[in-house]
Protein backbone atom coordinates (compact mmCIF):
# COMPACT_ATOMS: atom_id res chain seq x y z
CA MET A 1 0.00 0.00 0.00
CA ARG A 2 2.81 2.43 0.85
CA LYS A 3 4.52 1.70 -2.47
CA VAL A 4 1.36 2.50 -4.41
CA LEU A 5 0.87 5.74 -2.48
CA LEU A 6 4.50 6.74 -3.01
CA LEU A 7 4.29 5.97 -6.74
CA THR A 8 1.09 8.03 -7.06
CA VAL A 9 2.65 11.03 -5.29
CA MET A 10 5.75 10.83 -7.52
CA CYS A 11 3.58 10.76 -10.67
CA PHE A 12 1.72 13.89 -9.59
CA ALA A 13 4.99 15.66 -8.79
CA LEU A 14 6.42 14.86 -12.23
CA LEU A 15 3.22 15.92 -13.94
CA GLY A 16 3.26 19.22 -12.07
CA SER A 17 6.82 19.99 -13.14
CA ALA A 18 6.04 19.14 -16.78
CA ILE A 19 3.05 21.47 -16.79
CA ALA A 20 5.11 24.32 -15.33
CA GLN A 21 7.13 24.64 -18.54
CA GLN A 22 6.56 26.63 -21.69
CA SER A 23 8.10 26.37 -25.11
CA VAL A 24 9.91 29.39 -26.55
CA SER A 25 10.94 29.49 -30.19
CA GLY A 26 12.28 32.07 -32.58
CA THR A 27 14.98 33.03 -35.03
CA VAL A 28 18.27 34.78 -34.26
CA VAL A 29 19.25 37.11 -37.11
CA SER A 30 22.20 39.32 -37.91
CA GLU A 31 21.59 43.02 -37.31
CA SER A 32 23.60 43.98 -40.38
CA ASP A 33 21.95 41.84 -43.09
CA GLY A 34 18.97 40.14 -41.42
CA LEU A 35 20.18 36.61 -42.17
CA GLY A 36 19.78 33.80 -39.63
CA LEU A 37 22.81 33.06 -37.45
CA PRO A 38 23.71 29.36 -37.07
CA GLY A 39 25.41 28.10 -33.90
CA VAL A 40 24.15 30.72 -31.44
CA THR A 41 23.83 29.27 -27.92
CA ILE A 42 20.54 29.97 -26.15
CA SER A 43 20.45 29.00 -22.47
CA GLU A 44 18.03 29.49 -19.61
CA LYS A 45 19.81 31.61 -17.00
CA GLY A 46 20.57 29.77 -13.77
CA THR A 47 20.02 26.29 -15.24
CA GLY A 48 21.88 23.82 -17.43
CA ASN A 49 19.10 24.02 -20.02
CA GLY A 50 20.29 25.16 -23.46
CA VAL A 51 20.09 24.74 -27.23
CA LEU A 52 21.88 25.87 -30.40
CA THR A 53 20.33 27.60 -33.40
CA ASP A 54 20.08 25.56 -36.62
CA THR A 55 21.58 26.57 -39.99
CA ASN A 56 18.81 29.16 -40.49
CA GLY A 57 19.12 30.66 -36.99
CA LYS A 58 15.93 28.99 -35.67
CA PHE A 59 15.61 27.56 -32.17
CA SER A 60 13.09 26.08 -29.74
CA ILE A 61 13.64 25.64 -25.99
CA LYS A 62 11.42 24.62 -23.06
CA VAL A 63 11.79 26.92 -20.05
CA ALA A 64 10.16 27.24 -16.65
CA SER A 65 6.92 29.24 -16.76
CA GLY A 66 7.04 32.71 -15.32
CA LYS A 67 10.05 34.96 -15.22
CA SER A 68 12.70 32.99 -17.09
CA THR A 69 15.61 34.76 -18.74
CA LEU A 70 17.27 33.53 -21.94
CA VAL A 71 20.95 34.21 -22.57
CA PHE A 72 22.04 34.42 -26.22
CA SER A 73 25.78 34.00 -26.83
CA PHE A 74 27.90 33.72 -29.96
CA ILE A 75 31.66 33.52 -30.45
CA GLY A 76 33.18 36.99 -30.71
CA MET A 77 29.96 38.75 -29.66
CA GLN A 78 28.70 40.12 -26.36
CA ALA A 79 26.07 37.92 -24.66
CA VAL A 80 22.50 39.28 -24.63
CA GLU A 81 19.90 38.50 -21.95
CA GLU A 82 16.19 38.57 -22.77
CA SER A 83 13.31 38.03 -20.31
CA VAL A 84 10.58 35.61 -21.37
CA ASN A 85 7.86 36.89 -18.96
CA ASP A 86 5.18 34.45 -20.23
CA ARG A 87 5.40 35.75 -23.83
């Protein structure tokens, strides 16, 4: 009985953490010519969660709902932080 109760509680905890995420996607483009930038690192500040842009500069990342901040970094460029704020 205790094992069943423990398993049920764990399932609800995992479900709650999965629901508390949102997907953010977009395209990183060059300011000078508007072309997509491949290989830009996008990471959620304060976590180990991160992705790279594809060959067209597109990305998709799941972040915690609420006030997450994304950090965009690229070799030779200054890192840029952008708040998600449930957008």
